[in-house]
Amino acid sequence: MGSPTLIRKINKIEKKIVLNTFSEISGEVKSFFNENQNHFYVVIFKDDNTNNYPGIFFVSNSLIETFEKLESKSKAISLGIFFGFIKRGQLYLSIEGAEFLDIKNLIPMKRKFNVNKNLERSILYGNDITKSMIKTSFFDNIVSLKEGNLVFIFNTNDEFLCISKTRKNGIKFKNVEGNKIVFQNLIDKGYYLRKHQ
């Protein structure tokens, strides 16, 4: 990772992009962002072909104070909790950002789904989620979702596995065959291991 060309608080355009994604998840996530806008920073790297999109970070008060005291801010390569990156006017939420929101109890239950141990392995290999992988007890939650909504997948121990996107409108879900993909795996915890192989 190269040295950042810039670390700064998010600007108005970036705030709007982050707010759009957070508003789509829940009113609670939207409120959290509105109350904590000053804790969100952008990191933009130079000479890094693998990460040329602005990274969004959530920074605690103590880290903000420490960062402001640094004489050579350009040597810092990270700051706080990585929440994702902005690409083509959209925030791509990170695993770390999603886990942070979950720990704060900001993700609504209708967006959370559990899978068993066998399916956990499949997801951690980067596979999408089919209808047959979802417990029937969650079907009522799915009905309220629209195509393209973000959902969050956990194992049986409620450990976070991946961020997914709905591929079907929830109302049509019951008519979908069991082997059809209903949630597209956007990023999972296995990604970090696979990308270095």
Foldseek 3Di string as FASTA:
>chain_A
DAFWPDKAQDDPLVLVQVLVLQVLQHPLSNVVCVVQSRQKMWTAHPPDPVDRFIWIAGADPVQVVVLVPDPCNRRDDDHHFTQATDDPSHGDGDPRNVVVCVVVVNGDPLQEFEFEPVVLVVVLVQDFAFQLRGDPVSLVSLQPAAFQGWHWYAYPVRHTFFIWTAHHHSVCSVVDDRGDGGTHGPDTPSVVVVVVD
